Amino acid sequence: MMLRHPLVVDAVRRNCGIADARHAHEATLCTYLLQMRELYCWERGLPFEAQPARADVSRWIADREAAWQSLENEDYVPLPLPSRPYDPFDAAAINQELLADGLVYGAGLGRFHRPHFFLAELERIELRGDTRVIVTGLEIARDLTAVPAVLQGNTIHVRREALRRWLWERVEFWRSRRTAGALARAIESWGLAAGDEAAFERMVAAETETLILHEIGESRAGAMLGTGWEEMLDGLEDRRAEILARAVRDNLADCLSTLPALLERNAHASLHFWFSQLDGMRRELFPTLAAAYPAWCDSGSSAALAETVRAGATHWERAAMDIMAAPTRADSRAFAL
């Protein structure tokens, strides 16, 4: 494949390496090894079902970690666009030049202030009200953690390649165990149990829409909470406090947009899949929603579930406001939810 803007590609890849060198080992060992295996497969363009030899992956990890040692103290490099060099975090300005050539650049800070970068081919651009949605396809450069979707300003980025890999992992996990529950119901609804490729693509299309709905919810939550939320998040020192705060906003976003839209559309497969991924702090904070799901499955009526979602929107807006007003944000004990 002929690379457009090869110097830009080199710069993005270098910044991905620097970010990984500084932050890759912040994950648990199990998560780190799974992420490294996934990155190995992506770099080599292996099919999703590939089972690379453990020895090959281990050698690659050792080589990558050795390369990181020379990068972790380096500064992120500017992106050399034809007009001028750009700060690597000025994604909006960079995309003003790259979009015309069918490329999309992403840069920003994720959980625990970890930088993320990617460069991908443009698939499509659409408008949802005042929000622009940019969907990408083939990825040319990425760091270790491929975040499938993100909201920046009034623009939603959806990385379809990252989403497809993540969904494939979820499906293969279920196939290896075949346990009952929400994920089994989602897979049955899509007709995925037999390994139908067309069914998987329908799942990817549906979950692309779910990601967009969630980020629209993030946009609405941002309008409610104002700039004080990001200022609060930047100032958090305790990791559990950040996880809790992000879970509150995720719950708010889903109660404002994702779940109401899926319920209105009777998108049962996507609803089952959404509940299969309701875990960790989000689930711990929202037991009434977790309890409403089996009741919906048993009764076939969405009325009680919809009412729980409506009540959740009010509750999580108030909880987010309380977090911003907390007298101290040093740790999660300051957040009375």
Foldseek 3Di string as FASTA:
>chain_A
DDDDLVQLLVLLQLLLLLLCLQPLVVDPPVVSLVLLVVVVCLVVVHDLPDDDDPVVSVVVVVVSNVVSVVRNPDDRDFRQDVVGTHDLQPQVVVCVPCVVVQKHWDWDADAPRRIWIWMFGWDDWDDDDQAIETEGEGTSHTHSDDDQWDDDDRYIYGYLVNVLSVVSVVVVVCLVPVDDALLNVLCVVLVPNVPDPVSSVVVSVVVSVLRVQLVVLLVVLCVLPDPLLVVLLVPEDASQLNVLLVLLSSLLSCLVTRVVVCVVVVVSSVVSVVLVPCDDNNCVVQVVLNVVVVVCVVPVDCVSNNVSSPVSNVVSSVQNVQSSVQPDNHDNVSRDD
